[in-house]
PDB file of N, CA and C in Angstrom:
ATOM      1  N   MET A   1      -6.150   1.660  -9.201  1.00  0.00           N
ATOM      2  CA  MET A   1      -5.077   1.146  -8.333  1.00  0.00           C
ATOM      3  C   MET A   1      -3.765   1.140  -9.201  1.00  0.00           C
ATOM      4  N   HIS A   2      -2.653   1.059  -8.474  1.00  0.00           N
ATOM      5  CA  HIS A   2      -1.412   1.066  -9.131  1.00  0.00           C
ATOM      6  C   HIS A   2      -1.143  -0.036 -10.105  1.00  0.00           C
ATOM      7  N   ALA A   3      -0.485   0.242 -11.210  1.00  0.00           N
ATOM      8  CA  ALA A   3      -0.298  -0.846 -12.258  1.00  0.00           C
ATOM      9  C   ALA A   3       1.188  -1.046 -12.396  1.00  0.00           C
ATOM     10  N   LEU A   4       2.081  -0.339 -11.773  1.00  0.00           N
ATOM     11  CA  LEU A   4       3.530  -0.513 -11.897  1.00  0.00           C
ATOM     12  C   LEU A   4       4.160  -1.120 -10.649  1.00  0.00           C
ATOM     13  N   PHE A   5       5.310  -1.641 -10.919  1.00  0.00           N
ATOM     14  CA  PHE A   5       6.117  -2.192  -9.736  1.00  0.00           C
ATOM     15  C   PHE A   5       6.859  -0.984  -9.065  1.00  0.00           C
ATOM     16  N   ALA A   6       6.915  -1.112  -7.786  1.00  0.00           N
ATOM     17  CA  ALA A   6       7.711  -0.089  -6.993  1.00  0.00           C
ATOM     18  C   ALA A   6       9.157  -0.228  -7.274  1.00  0.00           C
ATOM     19  N   ALA A   7       9.786   0.925  -7.330  1.00  0.00           N
ATOM     20  CA  ALA A   7      11.247   0.977  -7.550  1.00  0.00           C
ATOM     21  C   ALA A   7      11.942   0.957  -6.216  1.00  0.00           C
ATOM     22  N   THR A   8      12.153  -0.159  -5.631  1.00  0.00           N
ATOM     23  CA  THR A   8      12.720  -0.193  -4.240  1.00  0.00           C
ATOM     24  C   THR A   8      14.260  -0.298  -4.336  1.00  0.00           C
ATOM     25  N   PRO A   9      14.845   0.124  -3.172  1.00  0.00           N
ATOM     26  CA  PRO A   9      16.440   0.137  -3.118  1.00  0.00           C
ATOM     27  C   PRO A   9      16.774  -1.340  -2.790  1.00  0.00           C
ATOM     28  N   GLN A  10      18.089  -1.485  -2.674  1.00  0.00           N
ATOM     29  CA  GLN A  10      18.622  -2.723  -2.213  1.00  0.00           C
ATOM     30  C   GLN A  10      18.182  -2.974  -0.870  1.00  0.00           C
ATOM     31  N   PRO A  11      17.803  -4.218  -0.410  1.00  0.00           N
ATOM     32  CA  PRO A  11      17.460  -4.508   0.965  1.00  0.00           C
ATOM     33  C   PRO A  11      18.627  -4.303   1.930  1.00  0.00           C
ATOM     34  N   PRO A  12      18.284  -4.059   3.230  1.00  0.00           N
ATOM     35  CA  PRO A  12      17.008  -4.266   3.867  1.00  0.00           C
ATOM     36  C   PRO A  12      16.092  -3.072   3.813  1.00  0.00           C
ATOM     37  N   TYR A  13      14.844  -3.284   3.792  1.00  0.00           N
ATOM     38  CA  TYR A  13      13.785  -2.280   3.950  1.00  0.00           C
ATOM     39  C   TYR A  13      12.574  -3.027   4.437  1.00  0.00           C
ATOM     40  N   TYR A  14      11.453  -2.327   4.601  1.00  0.00           N
ATOM     41  CA  TYR A  14      10.246  -2.834   5.261  1.00  0.00           C
ATOM     42  C   TYR A  14       9.055  -2.828   4.310  1.00  0.00           C
ATOM     43  N   ALA A  15       8.141  -3.809   4.538  1.00  0.00           N
ATOM     44  CA  ALA A  15       6.952  -3.874   3.667  1.00  0.00           C
ATOM     45  C   ALA A  15       5.682  -3.914   4.654  1.00  0.00           C
ATOM     46  N   ALA A  16       4.714  -3.118   4.316  1.00  0.00           N
ATOM     47  CA  ALA A  16       3.484  -3.098   5.068  1.00  0.00           C
ATOM     48  C   ALA A  16       2.524  -3.802   4.075  1.00  0.00           C
ATOM     49  N   ILE A  17       2.072  -4.959   4.360  1.00  0.00           N
ATOM     50  CA  ILE A  17       1.238  -5.772   3.423  1.00  0.00           C
ATOM     51  C   ILE A  17      -0.298  -5.652   3.963  1.00  0.00           C
ATOM     52  N   PHE A  18      -1.116  -5.020   3.229  1.00  0.00           N
ATOM     53  CA  PHE A  18      -2.474  -4.789   3.563  1.00  0.00           C
ATOM     54  C   PHE A  18      -3.378  -5.643   2.636  1.00  0.00           C
ATOM     55  N   THR A  19      -4.040  -6.667   3.204  1.00  0.00           N
ATOM     56  CA  THR A  19      -4.996  -7.392   2.375  1.00  0.00           C
ATOM     57  C   THR A  19      -6.382  -7.104   2.836  1.00  0.00           C
ATOM     58  N   SER A  20      -7.296  -6.926   1.991  1.00  0.00           N
ATOM     59  CA  SER A  20      -8.732  -6.577   2.419  1.00  0.00           C
ATOM     60  C   SER A  20      -9.761  -7.095   1.491  1.00  0.00           C
ATOM     61  N   GLN A  21     -10.976  -7.221   2.054  1.00  0.00           N
ATOM     62  CA  GLN A  21     -12.187  -7.595   1.421  1.00  0.00           C
ATOM     63  C   GLN A  21     -13.114  -6.376   1.482  1.00  0.00           C
ATOM     64  N   ARG A  22     -13.432  -5.779   0.385  1.00  0.00           N
ATOM     65  CA  ARG A  22     -14.334  -4.587   0.440  1.00  0.00           C
ATOM     66  C   ARG A  22     -15.757  -4.910   0.681  1.00  0.00           C
ATOM     67  N   THR A  23     -16.452  -3.952   1.244  1.00  0.00           N
ATOM     68  CA  THR A  23     -17.888  -4.083   1.327  1.00  0.00           C
ATOM     69  C   THR A  23     -18.446  -3.667  -0.001  1.00  0.00           C
ATOM     70  N   PRO A  24     -19.720  -3.923  -0.284  1.00  0.00           N
ATOM     71  CA  PRO A  24     -20.400  -3.516  -1.574  1.00  0.00           C
ATOM     72  C   PRO A  24     -20.536  -1.967  -1.671  1.00  0.00           C
ATOM     73  N   GLY A  25     -20.421  -1.470  -2.768  1.00  0.00           N
ATOM     74  CA  GLY A  25     -20.591   0.051  -2.999  1.00  0.00           C
ATOM     75  C   GLY A  25     -19.332   0.790  -2.854  1.00  0.00           C
ATOM     76  N   GLU A  26     -19.401   1.960  -3.576  1.00  0.00           N
ATOM     77  CA  GLU A  26     -18.180   2.762  -3.655  1.00  0.00           C
ATOM     78  C   GLU A  26     -18.025   3.628  -2.360  1.00  0.00           C
ATOM     79  N   GLN A  27     -19.126   4.350  -1.983  1.00  0.00           N
ATOM     80  CA  GLN A  27     -19.083   5.152  -0.750  1.00  0.00           C
ATOM     81  C   GLN A  27     -17.832   5.962  -0.505  1.00  0.00           C
ATOM     82  N   GLY A  28     -17.252   6.540  -1.585  1.00  0.00           N
ATOM     83  CA  GLY A  28     -16.130   7.459  -1.459  1.00  0.00           C
ATOM     84  C   GLY A  28     -14.768   6.771  -1.375  1.00  0.00           C
ATOM     85  N   TYR A  29     -14.747   5.469  -1.564  1.00  0.00           N
ATOM     86  CA  TYR A  29     -13.560   4.658  -1.363  1.00  0.00           C
ATOM     87  C   TYR A  29     -12.441   5.102  -2.378  1.00  0.00           C
ATOM     88  N   GLY A  30     -12.839   5.098  -3.631  1.00  0.00           N
ATOM     89  CA  GLY A  30     -11.828   5.341  -4.735  1.00  0.00           C
ATOM     90  C   GLY A  30     -11.101   6.656  -4.525  1.00  0.00           C
ATOM     91  N   GLU A  31     -11.828   7.704  -4.190  1.00  0.00           N
ATOM     92  CA  GLU A  31     -11.284   9.008  -3.906  1.00  0.00           C
ATOM     93  C   GLU A  31     -10.274   9.052  -2.742  1.00  0.00           C
ATOM     94  N   MET A  32     -10.746   8.374  -1.706  1.00  0.00           N
ATOM     95  CA  MET A  32      -9.946   8.219  -0.527  1.00  0.00           C
ATOM     96  C   MET A  32      -8.682   7.378  -0.832  1.00  0.00           C
ATOM     97  N   ALA A  33      -8.772   6.366  -1.544  1.00  0.00           N
ATOM     98  CA  ALA A  33      -7.594   5.486  -1.882  1.00  0.00           C
ATOM     99  C   ALA A  33      -6.601   6.283  -2.628  1.00  0.00           C
ATOM    100  N   ASP A  34      -7.097   7.059  -3.639  1.00  0.00           N
ATOM    101  CA  ASP A  34      -6.179   7.896  -4.430  1.00  0.00           C
ATOM    102  C   ASP A  34      -5.520   8.974  -3.467  1.00  0.00           C
ATOM    103  N   ARG A  35      -6.163   9.519  -2.652  1.00  0.00           N
ATOM    104  CA  ARG A  35      -5.618  10.532  -1.669  1.00  0.00           C
ATOM    105  C   ARG A  35      -4.627   9.926  -0.734  1.00  0.00           C
ATOM    106  N   MET A  36      -4.897   8.645  -0.244  1.00  0.00           N
ATOM    107  CA  MET A  36      -3.967   8.013   0.601  1.00  0.00           C
ATOM    108  C   MET A  36      -2.681   7.692  -0.083  1.00  0.00           C
ATOM    109  N   ALA A  37      -2.754   7.234  -1.367  1.00  0.00           N
ATOM    110  CA  ALA A  37      -1.602   6.973  -2.211  1.00  0.00           C
ATOM    111  C   ALA A  37      -0.712   8.211  -2.374  1.00  0.00           C
ATOM    112  N   GLU A  38      -1.396   9.299  -2.633  1.00  0.00           N
ATOM    113  CA  GLU A  38      -0.680  10.579  -2.762  1.00  0.00           C
ATOM    114  C   GLU A  38      -0.025  11.000  -1.484  1.00  0.00           C
ATOM    115  N   LEU A  39      -0.748  10.925  -0.329  1.00  0.00           N
ATOM    116  CA  LEU A  39      -0.281  11.323   0.948  1.00  0.00           C
ATOM    117  C   LEU A  39       0.869  10.429   1.404  1.00  0.00           C
ATOM    118  N   ALA A  40       0.775   9.138   1.243  1.00  0.00           N
ATOM    119  CA  ALA A  40       1.798   8.226   1.601  1.00  0.00           C
ATOM    120  C   ALA A  40       3.085   8.542   0.872  1.00  0.00           C
ATOM    121  N   SER A  41       3.008   8.906  -0.409  1.00  0.00           N
ATOM    122  CA  SER A  41       4.258   9.142  -1.238  1.00  0.00           C
ATOM    123  C   SER A  41       4.908  10.446  -0.711  1.00  0.00           C
ATOM    124  N   GLN A  42       4.302  11.144   0.175  1.00  0.00           N
ATOM    125  CA  GLN A  42       4.882  12.406   0.654  1.00  0.00           C
ATOM    126  C   GLN A  42       5.517  12.154   2.049  1.00  0.00           C
ATOM    127  N   GLN A  43       5.390  11.056   2.581  1.00  0.00           N
ATOM    128  CA  GLN A  43       5.825  10.729   3.952  1.00  0.00           C
ATOM    129  C   GLN A  43       7.330  10.334   3.972  1.00  0.00           C
ATOM    130  N   ALA A  44       8.117  10.764   4.978  1.00  0.00           N
ATOM    131  CA  ALA A  44       9.401  10.456   5.193  1.00  0.00           C
ATOM    132  C   ALA A  44       9.599   8.956   5.224  1.00  0.00           C
ATOM    133  N   GLY A  45      10.475   8.380   4.466  1.00  0.00           N
ATOM    134  CA  GLY A  45      10.704   6.925   4.549  1.00  0.00           C
ATOM    135  C   GLY A  45       9.925   6.160   3.585  1.00  0.00           C
ATOM    136  N   TYR A  46       9.036   6.717   2.860  1.00  0.00           N
ATOM    137  CA  TYR A  46       8.223   5.931   1.835  1.00  0.00           C
ATOM    138  C   TYR A  46       9.070   5.657   0.586  1.00  0.00           C
ATOM    139  N   LEU A  47       8.990   4.343   0.165  1.00  0.00           N
ATOM    140  CA  LEU A  47       9.698   3.967  -0.918  1.00  0.00           C
ATOM    141  C   LEU A  47       8.883   3.564  -2.197  1.00  0.00           C
ATOM    142  N   GLY A  48       7.621   3.370  -2.083  1.00  0.00           N
ATOM    143  CA  GLY A  48       6.774   3.036  -3.139  1.00  0.00           C
ATOM    144  C   GLY A  48       5.637   1.990  -2.741  1.00  0.00           C
ATOM    145  N   ALA A  49       4.781   1.663  -3.732  1.00  0.00           N
ATOM    146  CA  ALA A  49       3.679   0.626  -3.359  1.00  0.00           C
ATOM    147  C   ALA A  49       3.251  -0.037  -4.550  1.00  0.00           C
ATOM    148  N   GLU A  50       2.671  -1.190  -4.344  1.00  0.00           N
ATOM    149  CA  GLU A  50       2.032  -1.958  -5.448  1.00  0.00           C
ATOM    150  C   GLU A  50       0.724  -2.414  -4.924  1.00  0.00           C
ATOM    151  N   SER A  51      -0.310  -2.262  -5.754  1.00  0.00           N
ATOM    152  CA  SER A  51      -1.679  -2.563  -5.339  1.00  0.00           C
ATOM    153  C   SER A  51      -2.537  -3.239  -6.456  1.00  0.00           C
ATOM    154  N   THR A  52      -3.504  -4.039  -6.066  1.00  0.00           N
ATOM    155  CA  THR A  52      -4.388  -4.636  -6.982  1.00  0.00           C
ATOM    156  C   THR A  52      -5.687  -5.005  -6.227  1.00  0.00           C
ATOM    157  N   ARG A  53      -6.789  -5.081  -6.951  1.00  0.00           N
ATOM    158  CA  ARG A  53      -8.027  -5.449  -6.366  1.00  0.00           C
ATOM    159  C   ARG A  53      -8.749  -6.246  -7.442  1.00  0.00           C
ATOM    160  N   ASP A  54      -9.466  -7.360  -7.156  1.00  0.00           N
ATOM    161  CA  ASP A  54     -10.212  -8.139  -8.094  1.00  0.00           C
ATOM    162  C   ASP A  54     -11.649  -7.730  -8.132  1.00  0.00           C
ATOM    163  N   ALA A  55     -12.357  -8.371  -9.056  1.00  0.00           N
ATOM    164  CA  ALA A  55     -13.781  -7.943  -9.299  1.00  0.00           C
ATOM    165  C   ALA A  55     -14.714  -8.265  -8.073  1.00  0.00           C
ATOM    166  N   GLN A  56     -14.263  -9.156  -7.279  1.00  0.00           N
ATOM    167  CA  GLN A  56     -15.024  -9.513  -6.037  1.00  0.00           C
ATOM    168  C   GLN A  56     -14.676  -8.685  -4.867  1.00  0.00           C
ATOM    169  N   GLY A  57     -13.764  -7.765  -4.981  1.00  0.00           N
ATOM    170  CA  GLY A  57     -13.488  -6.786  -3.974  1.00  0.00           C
ATOM    171  C   GLY A  57     -12.351  -7.175  -3.049  1.00  0.00           C
ATOM    172  N   PHE A  58     -11.582  -8.250  -3.372  1.00  0.00           N
ATOM    173  CA  PHE A  58     -10.445  -8.621  -2.665  1.00  0.00           C
ATOM    174  C   PHE A  58      -9.182  -7.883  -3.124  1.00  0.00           C
ATOM    175  N   GLY A  59      -8.460  -7.280  -2.165  1.00  0.00           N
ATOM    176  CA  GLY A  59      -7.356  -6.461  -2.702  1.00  0.00           C
ATOM    177  C   GLY A  59      -6.070  -6.728  -1.783  1.00  0.00           C
ATOM    178  N   ILE A  60      -5.004  -6.422  -2.424  1.00  0.00           N
ATOM    179  CA  ILE A  60      -3.671  -6.381  -1.718  1.00  0.00           C
ATOM    180  C   ILE A  60      -2.908  -5.161  -2.120  1.00  0.00           C
ATOM    181  N   THR A  61      -2.451  -4.499  -1.092  1.00  0.00           N
ATOM    182  CA  THR A  61      -1.508  -3.244  -1.275  1.00  0.00           C
ATOM    183  C   THR A  61      -0.337  -3.602  -0.389  1.00  0.00           C
ATOM    184  N   VAL A  62       0.894  -3.487  -1.022  1.00  0.00           N
ATOM    185  CA  VAL A  62       2.103  -3.538  -0.349  1.00  0.00           C
ATOM    186  C   VAL A  62       2.794  -2.300  -0.442  1.00  0.00           C
ATOM    187  N   SER A  63       2.996  -1.591   0.651  1.00  0.00           N
ATOM    188  CA  SER A  63       3.758  -0.341   0.642  1.00  0.00           C
ATOM    189  C   SER A  63       5.113  -0.673   1.236  1.00  0.00           C
ATOM    190  N   TYR A  64       6.153   0.006   0.739  1.00  0.00           N
ATOM    191  CA  TYR A  64       7.574  -0.246   1.127  1.00  0.00           C
ATOM    192  C   TYR A  64       8.076   1.002   1.845  1.00  0.00           C
ATOM    193  N   TRP A  65       8.865   0.761   2.871  1.00  0.00           N
ATOM    194  CA  TRP A  65       9.329   1.852   3.781  1.00  0.00           C
ATOM    195  C   TRP A  65      10.782   1.596   4.122  1.00  0.00           C
ATOM    196  N   GLU A  66      11.439   2.677   4.500  1.00  0.00           N
ATOM    197  CA  GLU A  66      12.851   2.535   4.937  1.00  0.00           C
ATOM    198  C   GLU A  66      13.016   1.911   6.262  1.00  0.00           C
ATOM    199  N   SER A  67      11.985   2.168   7.128  1.00  0.00           N
ATOM    200  CA  SER A  67      12.242   1.655   8.465  1.00  0.00           C
ATOM    201  C   SER A  67      10.788   1.348   9.106  1.00  0.00           C
ATOM    202  N   GLU A  68      10.879   0.630  10.253  1.00  0.00           N
ATOM    203  CA  GLU A  68       9.566   0.457  11.002  1.00  0.00           C
ATOM    204  C   GLU A  68       9.126   1.715  11.548  1.00  0.00           C
ATOM    205  N   GLU A  69       9.977   2.586  12.001  1.00  0.00           N
ATOM    206  CA  GLU A  69       9.488   3.857  12.493  1.00  0.00           C
ATOM    207  C   GLU A  69       8.828   4.756  11.417  1.00  0.00           C
ATOM    208  N   ALA A  70       9.180   4.586  10.148  1.00  0.00           N
ATOM    209  CA  ALA A  70       8.512   5.309   9.025  1.00  0.00           C
ATOM    210  C   ALA A  70       7.123   4.819   8.923  1.00  0.00           C
ATOM    211  N   ILE A  71       6.954   3.433   9.088  1.00  0.00           N
ATOM    212  CA  ILE A  71       5.611   2.854   9.007  1.00  0.00           C
ATOM    213  C   ILE A  71       4.774   3.345  10.218  1.00  0.00           C
ATOM    214  N   ARG A  72       5.334   3.348  11.362  1.00  0.00           N
ATOM    215  CA  ARG A  72       4.605   3.871  12.572  1.00  0.00           C
ATOM    216  C   ARG A  72       4.146   5.339  12.351  1.00  0.00           C
ATOM    217  N   GLN A  73       5.028   6.119  11.786  1.00  0.00           N
ATOM    218  CA  GLN A  73       4.672   7.499  11.560  1.00  0.00           C
ATOM    219  C   GLN A  73       3.541   7.626  10.637  1.00  0.00           C
ATOM    220  N   TRP A  74       3.510   6.824   9.573  1.00  0.00           N
ATOM    221  CA  TRP A  74       2.460   6.793   8.589  1.00  0.00           C
ATOM    222  C   TRP A  74       1.083   6.374   9.228  1.00  0.00           C
ATOM    223  N   LYS A  75       1.194   5.352  10.033  1.00  0.00           N
ATOM    224  CA  LYS A  75      -0.014   4.881  10.748  1.00  0.00           C
ATOM    225  C   LYS A  75      -0.612   6.019  11.654  1.00  0.00           C
ATOM    226  N   ARG A  76       0.255   6.819  12.223  1.00  0.00           N
ATOM    227  CA  ARG A  76      -0.257   7.962  13.102  1.00  0.00           C
ATOM    228  C   ARG A  76      -0.638   9.247  12.326  1.00  0.00           C
ATOM    229  N   ASN A  77      -0.394   9.251  11.022  1.00  0.00           N
ATOM    230  CA  ASN A  77      -0.746  10.479  10.207  1.00  0.00           C
ATOM    231  C   ASN A  77      -2.237  10.761  10.444  1.00  0.00           C
ATOM    232  N   ALA A  78      -2.550  12.090  10.740  1.00  0.00           N
ATOM    233  CA  ALA A  78      -3.952  12.451  11.107  1.00  0.00           C
ATOM    234  C   ALA A  78      -4.968  12.127   9.962  1.00  0.00           C
ATOM    235  N   GLU A  79      -4.585  12.466   8.752  1.00  0.00           N
ATOM    236  CA  GLU A  79      -5.500  12.194   7.575  1.00  0.00           C
ATOM    237  C   GLU A  79      -5.613  10.723   7.400  1.00  0.00           C
ATOM    238  N   HIS A  80      -4.531   9.982   7.436  1.00  0.00           N
ATOM    239  CA  HIS A  80      -4.621   8.510   7.295  1.00  0.00           C
ATOM    240  C   HIS A  80      -5.409   7.864   8.415  1.00  0.00           C
ATOM    241  N   ARG A  81      -5.388   8.501   9.675  1.00  0.00           N
ATOM    242  CA  ARG A  81      -6.347   7.961  10.723  1.00  0.00           C
ATOM    243  C   ARG A  81      -7.731   8.039  10.329  1.00  0.00           C
ATOM    244  N   ILE A  82      -8.173   9.124   9.694  1.00  0.00           N
ATOM    245  CA  ILE A  82      -9.494   9.339   9.210  1.00  0.00           C
ATOM    246  C   ILE A  82      -9.880   8.222   8.355  1.00  0.00           C
ATOM    247  N   ALA A  83      -9.013   7.900   7.309  1.00  0.00           N
ATOM    248  CA  ALA A  83      -9.268   6.799   6.335  1.00  0.00           C
ATOM    249  C   ALA A  83      -9.362   5.498   7.092  1.00  0.00           C
ATOM    250  N   GLN A  84      -8.409   5.227   8.043  1.00  0.00           N
ATOM    251  CA  GLN A  84      -8.449   3.998   8.767  1.00  0.00           C
ATOM    252  C   GLN A  84      -9.794   3.773   9.487  1.00  0.00           C
ATOM    253  N   ASP A  85     -10.308   4.872  10.089  1.00  0.00           N
ATOM    254  CA  ASP A  85     -11.618   4.790  10.769  1.00  0.00           C
ATOM    255  C   ASP A  85     -12.805   4.485   9.764  1.00  0.00           C
ATOM    256  N   LYS A  86     -12.748   5.128   8.680  1.00  0.00           N
ATOM    257  CA  LYS A  86     -13.743   4.911   7.604  1.00  0.00           C
ATOM    258  C   LYS A  86     -13.679   3.451   7.090  1.00  0.00           C
ATOM    259  N   GLY A  87     -12.443   2.928   7.017  1.00  0.00           N
ATOM    260  CA  GLY A  87     -12.244   1.540   6.651  1.00  0.00           C
ATOM    261  C   GLY A  87     -12.840   0.564   7.657  1.00  0.00           C
ATOM    262  N   HIS A  88     -12.679   0.839   8.861  1.00  0.00           N
ATOM    263  CA  HIS A  88     -13.227   0.019  10.024  1.00  0.00           C
ATOM    264  C   HIS A  88     -14.757   0.008   9.955  1.00  0.00           C
ATOM    265  N   THR A  89     -15.425   1.141   9.717  1.00  0.00           N
ATOM    266  CA  THR A  89     -16.755   1.272   9.901  1.00  0.00           C
ATOM    267  C   THR A  89     -17.594   1.023   8.520  1.00  0.00           C
ATOM    268  N   THR A  90     -16.922   1.273   7.388  1.00  0.00           N
ATOM    269  CA  THR A  90     -17.667   1.374   6.099  1.00  0.00           C
ATOM    270  C   THR A  90     -17.121   0.529   5.013  1.00  0.00           C
ATOM    271  N   TRP A  91     -15.810   0.593   4.725  1.00  0.00           N
ATOM    272  CA  TRP A  91     -15.240   0.040   3.426  1.00  0.00           C
ATOM    273  C   TRP A  91     -14.850  -1.401   3.480  1.00  0.00           C
ATOM    274  N   TYR A  92     -14.496  -1.914   4.659  1.00  0.00           N
ATOM    275  CA  TYR A  92     -14.000  -3.229   4.671  1.00  0.00           C
ATOM    276  C   TYR A  92     -14.806  -4.230   5.485  1.00  0.00           C
ATOM    277  N   GLN A  93     -15.034  -5.457   4.811  1.00  0.00           N
ATOM    278  CA  GLN A  93     -15.698  -6.561   5.579  1.00  0.00           C
ATOM    279  C   GLN A  93     -14.599  -7.211   6.559  1.00  0.00           C
ATOM    280  N   HIS A  94     -13.380  -7.225   5.971  1.00  0.00           N
ATOM    281  CA  HIS A  94     -12.278  -7.843   6.685  1.00  0.00           C
ATOM    282  C   HIS A  94     -10.974  -7.272   6.150  1.00  0.00           C
ATOM    283  N   PHE A  95      -9.937  -7.167   6.976  1.00  0.00           N
ATOM    284  CA  PHE A  95      -8.614  -6.764   6.543  1.00  0.00           C
ATOM    285  C   PHE A  95      -7.665  -7.346   7.382  1.00  0.00           C
ATOM    286  N   GLU A  96      -6.401  -7.482   6.939  1.00  0.00           N
ATOM    287  CA  GLU A  96      -5.275  -7.899   7.615  1.00  0.00           C
ATOM    288  C   GLU A  96      -4.023  -6.975   7.272  1.00  0.00           C
ATOM    289  N   LEU A  97      -3.222  -6.643   8.218  1.00  0.00           N
ATOM    290  CA  LEU A  97      -2.069  -5.849   8.031  1.00  0.00           C
ATOM    291  C   LEU A  97      -0.816  -6.623   8.552  1.00  0.00           C
ATOM    292  N   ARG A  98       0.154  -6.827   7.770  1.00  0.00           N
ATOM    293  CA  ARG A  98       1.350  -7.502   8.171  1.00  0.00           C
ATOM    294  C   ARG A  98       2.520  -6.659   7.806  1.00  0.00           C
ATOM    295  N   ILE A  99       3.475  -6.604   8.774  1.00  0.00           N
ATOM    296  CA  ILE A  99       4.696  -5.812   8.550  1.00  0.00           C
ATOM    297  C   ILE A  99       5.825  -6.793   8.508  1.00  0.00           C
ATOM    298  N   ALA A 100       6.733  -6.646   7.423  1.00  0.00           N
ATOM    299  CA  ALA A 100       7.740  -7.629   7.201  1.00  0.00           C
ATOM    300  C   ALA A 100       8.983  -6.870   6.817  1.00  0.00           C
ATOM    301  N   LYS A 101      10.208  -7.341   7.168  1.00  0.00           N
ATOM    302  CA  LYS A 101      11.455  -6.887   6.845  1.00  0.00           C
ATOM    303  C   LYS A 101      11.878  -7.639   5.557  1.00  0.00           C
ATOM    304  N   VAL A 102      12.127  -6.878   4.517  1.00  0.00           N
ATOM    305  CA  VAL A 102      12.646  -7.460   3.257  1.00  0.00           C
ATOM    306  C   VAL A 102      14.206  -7.623   3.339  1.00  0.00           C
ATOM    307  N   GLU A 103      14.643  -8.812   3.272  1.00  0.00           N
ATOM    308  CA  GLU A 103      15.996  -9.057   3.400  1.00  0.00           C
ATOM    309  C   GLU A 103      16.654  -9.399   2.129  1.00  0.00           C
ATOM    310  N   ARG A 104      15.877 -10.009   1.215  1.00  0.00           N
ATOM    311  CA  ARG A 104      16.371 -10.195  -0.205  1.00  0.00           C
ATOM    312  C   ARG A 104      15.289  -9.840  -1.275  1.00  0.00           C
ATOM    313  N   ALA A 105      15.685  -9.369  -2.289  1.00  0.00           N
ATOM    314  CA  ALA A 105      14.734  -9.033  -3.366  1.00  0.00           C
ATOM    315  C   ALA A 105      15.393  -9.249  -4.718  1.00  0.00           C
ATOM    316  N   TYR A 106      14.701  -9.827  -5.604  1.00  0.00           N
ATOM    317  CA  TYR A 106      15.079  -9.947  -7.039  1.00  0.00           C
ATOM    318  C   TYR A 106      13.927 -10.195  -7.937  1.00  0.00           C
ATOM    319  N   GLY A 107      14.160  -9.930  -9.143  1.00  0.00           N
ATOM    320  CA  GLY A 107      13.001 -10.036 -10.150  1.00  0.00           C
ATOM    321  C   GLY A 107      13.513 -10.128 -11.484  1.00  0.00           C
ATOM    322  N   MET A 108      12.499 -10.038 -12.471  1.00  0.00           N
ATOM    323  CA  MET A 108      12.783 -10.080 -13.826  1.00  0.00           C
ATOM    324  C   MET A 108      11.754  -9.248 -14.631  1.00  0.00           C
ATOM    325  N   ALA A 109      12.221  -8.503 -15.629  1.00  0.00           N
ATOM    326  CA  ALA A 109      11.337  -7.735 -16.469  1.00  0.00           C
ATOM    327  C   ALA A 109      11.633  -8.045 -17.913  1.00  0.00           C
ATOM    328  N   ARG A 110      10.724  -8.449 -18.704  1.00  0.00           N
ATOM    329  CA  ARG A 110      10.973  -8.528 -20.120  1.00  0.00           C
ATOM    330  C   ARG A 110      11.133  -7.273 -20.766  1.00  0.00           C
ATOM    331  N   ARG A 111      11.996  -7.188 -21.748  1.00  0.00           N
ATOM    332  CA  ARG A 111      12.334  -5.916 -22.408  1.00  0.00           C
ATOM    333  C   ARG A 111      11.117  -5.126 -22.833  1.00  0.00           C
ATOM    334  N   SER A 112      10.122  -5.786 -23.373  1.00  0.00           N
ATOM    335  CA  SER A 112       8.926  -5.130 -23.874  1.00  0.00           C
ATOM    336  C   SER A 112       8.040  -4.584 -22.620  1.00  0.00           C
ATOM    337  N   GLN A 113       8.318  -5.132 -21.417  1.00  0.00           N
ATOM    338  CA  GLN A 113       7.554  -4.789 -20.285  1.00  0.00           C
ATOM    339  C   GLN A 113       8.349  -4.147 -19.127  1.00  0.00           C
ATOM    340  N   ALA A 114       9.619  -3.735 -19.496  1.00  0.00           N
ATOM    341  CA  ALA A 114      10.582  -3.318 -18.512  1.00  0.00           C
ATOM    342  C   ALA A 114      10.055  -2.131 -17.762  1.00  0.00           C
ATOM    343  N   VAL A 115      10.248  -2.168 -16.449  1.00  0.00           N
ATOM    344  CA  VAL A 115       9.900  -1.083 -15.605  1.00  0.00           C
ATOM    345  C   VAL A 115      11.278  -0.446 -15.091  1.00  0.00           C
ATOM    346  N   HIS A 116      11.391   0.787 -15.159  1.00  0.00           N
ATOM    347  CA  HIS A 116      12.632   1.466 -14.769  1.00  0.00           C
ATOM    348  C   HIS A 116      12.775   1.381 -13.306  1.00  0.00           C
ATOM    349  N   ARG A 117      13.976   0.935 -12.893  1.00  0.00           N
ATOM    350  CA  ARG A 117      14.289   0.938 -11.452  1.00  0.00           C
ATOM    351  C   ARG A 117      15.273   1.848 -11.001  1.00  0.00           C
TER     352      ARG A 117
END
């Protein structure tokens, strides 16, 4: 999963917040997750993503988008639809997707851990 912070522009922009609980076993998940990250980064309106998963399989991925329409287009992407179907039938015990408009954003990076924005 991603280890860096997304370099987002000044708000407003949108966030798709995907929280999930994995089922046991790999079943091709890692390969598909890598492919979806690559594919999303090629979509119009994509701004970046941040993702993590713990040892018990609980994960959070936040992807950032220029508009709600960009998120809708990503949801309708044919290859992404295949991954969604596999998630419903195989990879997830439970998931939630929330779409939010980012109106304010600020942060801090220590010099030794600075991420270029």
